[in-house]
Amino acid sequence: MKPGNMANMLKQAQKMQAEMARVQESLKDETVEASVGGGAVRVVMTGDMVVQSVTIDPAAVDPDDVAMLEDLVIAATNEALRQAQDLAQRKMAAVTGGLGLPGM
C-alpha cells in the first residue's frame, strides 16, 4: 500500500471515529417512547438508553394484581430499549455506511 493511501485511510478513519462520537453524544438528546396495555404504561427513554420517565395510568393499578402491572412495566421498558437500540443502530449506520463494524 502506498504511504499516501495509508495516510488517507487513517484520516478517513479518524473522521469516521469523530462522527461516531458526535452521533453517540447526540443520542442523549433524542427520545423514544413505548406504550403497552393500551396506554396503561408508558416509558420514555433516551437514545443512549437512559429511562427518563415511566407513566402509569391509575386505572392499571390493581392491588390484587400487582404482577400484571409489573409485567406491563417490564414490557414497556423492553420495548423502549429495543427502540433506543434501533435508533442508535440507524444513526451509526448513517455514519459507517453500514460497514457493520464490531461493537457498533
N, C-alpha and C. Protein backbone atom coordinates (compact mmCIF):
# COMPACT_ATOMS: atom_id res chain seq x y z
N MET A 1 0.84 -1.16 0.00
CA MET A 1 0.00 0.00 0.00
C MET A 1 0.90 1.24 0.00
N LYS A 2 0.55 2.20 -0.79
CA LYS A 2 1.34 3.43 -0.88
C LYS A 2 1.17 4.25 0.40
N PRO A 3 2.24 4.95 0.83
CA PRO A 3 2.15 5.77 2.04
C PRO A 3 1.02 6.79 1.98
N GLY A 4 0.78 7.38 0.83
CA GLY A 4 -0.30 8.36 0.69
C GLY A 4 -1.66 7.75 0.91
N ASN A 5 -1.83 6.51 0.42
CA ASN A 5 -3.10 5.82 0.61
C ASN A 5 -3.34 5.50 2.07
N MET A 6 -2.27 5.08 2.76
CA MET A 6 -2.38 4.74 4.18
C MET A 6 -2.75 6.00 4.99
N ALA A 7 -2.09 7.11 4.70
CA ALA A 7 -2.40 8.36 5.40
C ALA A 7 -3.84 8.78 5.14
N ASN A 8 -4.31 8.61 3.92
CA ASN A 8 -5.69 8.96 3.58
C ASN A 8 -6.67 8.07 4.32
N MET A 9 -6.36 6.76 4.40
CA MET A 9 -7.23 5.84 5.12
C MET A 9 -7.29 6.19 6.60
N LEU A 10 -6.15 6.53 7.18
CA LEU A 10 -6.12 6.92 8.59
C LEU A 10 -6.93 8.18 8.83
N LYS A 11 -6.81 9.13 7.91
CA LYS A 11 -7.56 10.38 8.03
C LYS A 11 -9.06 10.11 7.95
N GLN A 12 -9.47 9.23 7.05
CA GLN A 12 -10.88 8.88 6.92
C GLN A 12 -11.38 8.15 8.16
N ALA A 13 -10.54 7.26 8.71
CA ALA A 13 -10.92 6.53 9.91
C ALA A 13 -11.08 7.48 11.10
N GLN A 14 -10.20 8.45 11.21
CA GLN A 14 -10.29 9.44 12.29
C GLN A 14 -11.55 10.29 12.13
N LYS A 15 -11.86 10.65 10.90
CA LYS A 15 -13.07 11.43 10.64
C LYS A 15 -14.32 10.62 11.02
N MET A 16 -14.33 9.33 10.64
CA MET A 16 -15.46 8.47 10.97
C MET A 16 -15.59 8.32 12.48
N GLN A 17 -14.47 8.14 13.15
CA GLN A 17 -14.48 7.99 14.61
C GLN A 17 -15.04 9.25 15.28
N ALA A 18 -14.64 10.42 14.79
CA ALA A 18 -15.15 11.67 15.35
C ALA A 18 -16.65 11.80 15.10
N GLU A 19 -17.09 11.41 13.93
CA GLU A 19 -18.52 11.49 13.60
C GLU A 19 -19.32 10.50 14.46
N MET A 20 -18.77 9.31 14.69
CA MET A 20 -19.44 8.33 15.54
C MET A 20 -19.57 8.86 16.96
N ALA A 21 -18.54 9.52 17.46
CA ALA A 21 -18.58 10.10 18.81
C ALA A 21 -19.65 11.19 18.88
N ARG A 22 -19.75 11.99 17.81
CA ARG A 22 -20.76 13.05 17.76
C ARG A 22 -22.16 12.44 17.79
N VAL A 23 -22.37 11.37 17.02
CA VAL A 23 -23.68 10.72 16.98
C VAL A 23 -24.01 10.13 18.34
N GLN A 24 -23.05 9.47 18.98
CA GLN A 24 -23.30 8.90 20.30
C GLN A 24 -23.69 9.99 21.29
N GLU A 25 -23.04 11.13 21.23
CA GLU A 25 -23.37 12.24 22.12
C GLU A 25 -24.78 12.77 21.81
N SER A 26 -25.13 12.85 20.53
CA SER A 26 -26.44 13.38 20.15
C SER A 26 -27.58 12.45 20.57
N LEU A 27 -27.29 11.16 20.73
CA LEU A 27 -28.33 10.21 21.14
C LEU A 27 -28.88 10.54 22.53
N LYS A 28 -28.09 11.25 23.34
CA LYS A 28 -28.56 11.65 24.66
C LYS A 28 -29.73 12.61 24.58
N ASP A 29 -29.84 13.33 23.46
CA ASP A 29 -30.88 14.34 23.29
C ASP A 29 -32.11 13.82 22.56
N GLU A 30 -32.06 12.59 22.08
CA GLU A 30 -33.20 12.02 21.36
C GLU A 30 -33.92 11.04 22.28
N THR A 31 -35.23 10.92 22.08
CA THR A 31 -36.00 10.01 22.92
C THR A 31 -36.86 9.09 22.06
N VAL A 32 -37.18 7.96 22.65
CA VAL A 32 -38.15 7.03 22.09
C VAL A 32 -39.20 6.82 23.18
N GLU A 33 -40.37 6.41 22.76
CA GLU A 33 -41.46 6.20 23.70
C GLU A 33 -42.14 4.87 23.39
N ALA A 34 -42.35 4.08 24.42
CA ALA A 34 -43.05 2.80 24.26
C ALA A 34 -44.24 2.79 25.19
N SER A 35 -45.36 2.32 24.66
CA SER A 35 -46.59 2.25 25.43
C SER A 35 -47.16 0.85 25.27
N VAL A 36 -47.60 0.27 26.38
CA VAL A 36 -48.19 -1.07 26.35
C VAL A 36 -49.49 -1.07 27.13
N GLY A 37 -50.25 -2.14 26.95
CA GLY A 37 -51.50 -2.28 27.70
C GLY A 37 -52.51 -1.20 27.33
N GLY A 38 -52.54 -0.84 26.05
CA GLY A 38 -53.48 0.20 25.61
C GLY A 38 -53.18 1.55 26.25
N GLY A 39 -51.92 1.80 26.53
CA GLY A 39 -51.52 3.08 27.12
C GLY A 39 -51.45 3.04 28.64
N ALA A 40 -51.63 1.86 29.22
CA ALA A 40 -51.60 1.74 30.68
C ALA A 40 -50.23 2.09 31.26
N VAL A 41 -49.18 1.72 30.53
CA VAL A 41 -47.81 2.01 30.97
C VAL A 41 -47.05 2.59 29.79
N ARG A 42 -46.36 3.71 30.05
CA ARG A 42 -45.59 4.38 29.01
C ARG A 42 -44.19 4.65 29.56
N VAL A 43 -43.18 4.32 28.74
CA VAL A 43 -41.78 4.55 29.12
C VAL A 43 -41.14 5.43 28.06
N VAL A 44 -40.46 6.48 28.52
CA VAL A 44 -39.69 7.35 27.64
C VAL A 44 -38.22 7.12 27.98
N MET A 45 -37.44 6.86 26.92
CA MET A 45 -36.02 6.54 27.09
C MET A 45 -35.21 7.35 26.09
N THR A 46 -34.02 7.76 26.50
CA THR A 46 -33.14 8.48 25.58
C THR A 46 -32.49 7.50 24.62
N GLY A 47 -31.93 8.05 23.55
CA GLY A 47 -31.25 7.23 22.56
C GLY A 47 -30.02 6.55 23.10
N ASP A 48 -29.49 7.04 24.23
CA ASP A 48 -28.34 6.37 24.85
C ASP A 48 -28.80 5.45 25.99
N MET A 49 -30.09 5.09 25.94
CA MET A 49 -30.70 4.06 26.78
C MET A 49 -30.79 4.39 28.26
N VAL A 50 -31.17 5.62 28.54
CA VAL A 50 -31.43 6.05 29.91
C VAL A 50 -32.94 6.30 30.02
N VAL A 51 -33.59 5.64 30.99
CA VAL A 51 -35.03 5.84 31.18
C VAL A 51 -35.25 7.23 31.75
N GLN A 52 -36.07 8.02 31.05
CA GLN A 52 -36.39 9.37 31.52
C GLN A 52 -37.66 9.40 32.35
N SER A 53 -38.64 8.60 31.93
CA SER A 53 -39.88 8.60 32.69
C SER A 53 -40.65 7.31 32.49
N VAL A 54 -41.44 6.99 33.51
CA VAL A 54 -42.39 5.88 33.46
C VAL A 54 -43.72 6.46 33.92
N THR A 55 -44.71 6.33 33.06
CA THR A 55 -46.04 6.84 33.39
C THR A 55 -47.01 5.66 33.47
N ILE A 56 -47.75 5.60 34.57
CA ILE A 56 -48.69 4.51 34.78
C ILE A 56 -50.09 5.10 34.95
N ASP A 57 -51.00 4.64 34.12
CA ASP A 57 -52.39 5.05 34.22
C ASP A 57 -52.94 4.51 35.54
N PRO A 58 -53.52 5.37 36.38
CA PRO A 58 -54.06 4.90 37.66
C PRO A 58 -55.03 3.72 37.52
N ALA A 59 -55.72 3.63 36.40
CA ALA A 59 -56.66 2.52 36.19
C ALA A 59 -55.92 1.18 36.08
N ALA A 60 -54.61 1.23 35.79
CA ALA A 60 -53.83 -0.01 35.67
C ALA A 60 -53.35 -0.52 37.02
N VAL A 61 -53.57 0.26 38.05
CA VAL A 61 -53.10 -0.13 39.39
C VAL A 61 -54.20 -0.91 40.09
N ASP A 62 -53.99 -2.22 40.14
CA ASP A 62 -54.94 -3.11 40.82
C ASP A 62 -54.17 -3.80 41.95
N PRO A 63 -54.46 -3.44 43.19
CA PRO A 63 -53.72 -4.03 44.31
C PRO A 63 -53.80 -5.56 44.35
N ASP A 64 -54.82 -6.10 43.73
CA ASP A 64 -54.97 -7.56 43.72
C ASP A 64 -54.21 -8.23 42.58
N ASP A 65 -53.64 -7.41 41.67
CA ASP A 65 -52.91 -7.98 40.53
C ASP A 65 -51.67 -7.14 40.22
N VAL A 66 -50.81 -7.02 41.19
CA VAL A 66 -49.57 -6.26 41.04
C VAL A 66 -48.69 -6.89 39.97
N ALA A 67 -48.73 -8.21 39.86
CA ALA A 67 -47.89 -8.92 38.88
C ALA A 67 -48.18 -8.45 37.46
N MET A 68 -49.46 -8.18 37.15
CA MET A 68 -49.79 -7.71 35.81
C MET A 68 -49.16 -6.35 35.55
N LEU A 69 -49.21 -5.45 36.52
CA LEU A 69 -48.61 -4.14 36.37
C LEU A 69 -47.10 -4.25 36.22
N GLU A 70 -46.49 -5.13 36.99
CA GLU A 70 -45.04 -5.34 36.87
C GLU A 70 -44.69 -5.84 35.47
N ASP A 71 -45.50 -6.74 34.94
CA ASP A 71 -45.27 -7.26 33.58
C ASP A 71 -45.40 -6.15 32.54
N LEU A 72 -46.37 -5.27 32.74
CA LEU A 72 -46.54 -4.15 31.81
C LEU A 72 -45.34 -3.20 31.84
N VAL A 73 -44.83 -2.93 33.02
CA VAL A 73 -43.66 -2.06 33.15
C VAL A 73 -42.45 -2.70 32.47
N ILE A 74 -42.27 -3.99 32.67
CA ILE A 74 -41.17 -4.70 32.03
C ILE A 74 -41.33 -4.65 30.51
N ALA A 75 -42.52 -4.92 30.03
CA ALA A 75 -42.76 -4.93 28.59
C ALA A 75 -42.51 -3.56 27.97
N ALA A 76 -42.99 -2.50 28.63
CA ALA A 76 -42.79 -1.15 28.11
C ALA A 76 -41.31 -0.77 28.12
N THR A 77 -40.61 -1.14 29.17
CA THR A 77 -39.18 -0.83 29.27
C THR A 77 -38.40 -1.59 28.20
N ASN A 78 -38.70 -2.85 28.02
CA ASN A 78 -38.01 -3.63 26.99
C ASN A 78 -38.29 -3.10 25.59
N GLU A 79 -39.51 -2.67 25.34
CA GLU A 79 -39.83 -2.10 24.03
C GLU A 79 -39.11 -0.78 23.82
N ALA A 80 -39.05 0.05 24.85
CA ALA A 80 -38.31 1.31 24.73
C ALA A 80 -36.83 1.04 24.49
N LEU A 81 -36.29 0.05 25.16
CA LEU A 81 -34.89 -0.32 24.97
C LEU A 81 -34.66 -0.78 23.53
N ARG A 82 -35.55 -1.60 23.01
CA ARG A 82 -35.43 -2.07 21.62
C ARG A 82 -35.46 -0.89 20.66
N GLN A 83 -36.37 0.06 20.90
CA GLN A 83 -36.46 1.23 20.03
C GLN A 83 -35.21 2.10 20.12
N ALA A 84 -34.67 2.26 21.33
CA ALA A 84 -33.46 3.07 21.51
C ALA A 84 -32.27 2.41 20.81
N GLN A 85 -32.17 1.09 20.89
CA GLN A 85 -31.10 0.37 20.21
C GLN A 85 -31.24 0.51 18.70
N ASP A 86 -32.46 0.42 18.21
CA ASP A 86 -32.72 0.57 16.78
C ASP A 86 -32.35 1.98 16.32
N LEU A 87 -32.72 2.98 17.10
CA LEU A 87 -32.38 4.37 16.78
C LEU A 87 -30.86 4.54 16.70
N ALA A 88 -30.15 4.03 17.70
CA ALA A 88 -28.69 4.14 17.72
C ALA A 88 -28.07 3.42 16.53
N GLN A 89 -28.59 2.26 16.21
CA GLN A 89 -28.06 1.49 15.09
C GLN A 89 -28.28 2.23 13.77
N ARG A 90 -29.46 2.82 13.58
CA ARG A 90 -29.72 3.57 12.36
C ARG A 90 -28.81 4.78 12.23
N LYS A 91 -28.61 5.49 13.35
CA LYS A 91 -27.75 6.68 13.34
C LYS A 91 -26.31 6.29 13.02
N MET A 92 -25.83 5.21 13.63
CA MET A 92 -24.45 4.77 13.37
C MET A 92 -24.28 4.26 11.95
N ALA A 93 -25.29 3.57 11.43
CA ALA A 93 -25.21 3.07 10.06
C ALA A 93 -25.08 4.21 9.07
N ALA A 94 -25.70 5.35 9.40
CA ALA A 94 -25.59 6.52 8.52
C ALA A 94 -24.15 7.03 8.50
N VAL A 95 -23.43 6.85 9.59
CA VAL A 95 -22.04 7.30 9.67
C VAL A 95 -21.09 6.30 9.05
N THR A 96 -21.31 5.02 9.35
CA THR A 96 -20.38 3.98 8.90
C THR A 96 -20.71 3.46 7.52
N GLY A 97 -21.83 3.89 6.97
CA GLY A 97 -22.23 3.39 5.66
C GLY A 97 -22.62 1.93 5.70
N GLY A 98 -23.07 1.47 6.88
CA GLY A 98 -23.49 0.09 7.02
C GLY A 98 -22.33 -0.90 6.99
N LEU A 99 -21.15 -0.47 7.39
CA LEU A 99 -19.97 -1.35 7.37
C LEU A 99 -20.09 -2.51 8.34
N GLY A 100 -20.98 -2.40 9.33
CA GLY A 100 -21.13 -3.46 10.31
C GLY A 100 -19.88 -3.63 11.16
N LEU A 101 -19.35 -2.53 11.65
CA LEU A 101 -18.15 -2.57 12.46
C LEU A 101 -18.42 -3.27 13.79
N PRO A 102 -17.48 -4.08 14.26
CA PRO A 102 -17.68 -4.78 15.53
C PRO A 102 -17.89 -3.78 16.67
N GLY A 103 -18.79 -4.15 17.58
CA GLY A 103 -19.04 -3.31 18.74
C GLY A 103 -19.96 -2.14 18.47
N MET A 104 -20.50 -2.02 17.30
CA MET A 104 -21.38 -0.88 16.98
C MET A 104 -22.81 -1.33 17.03
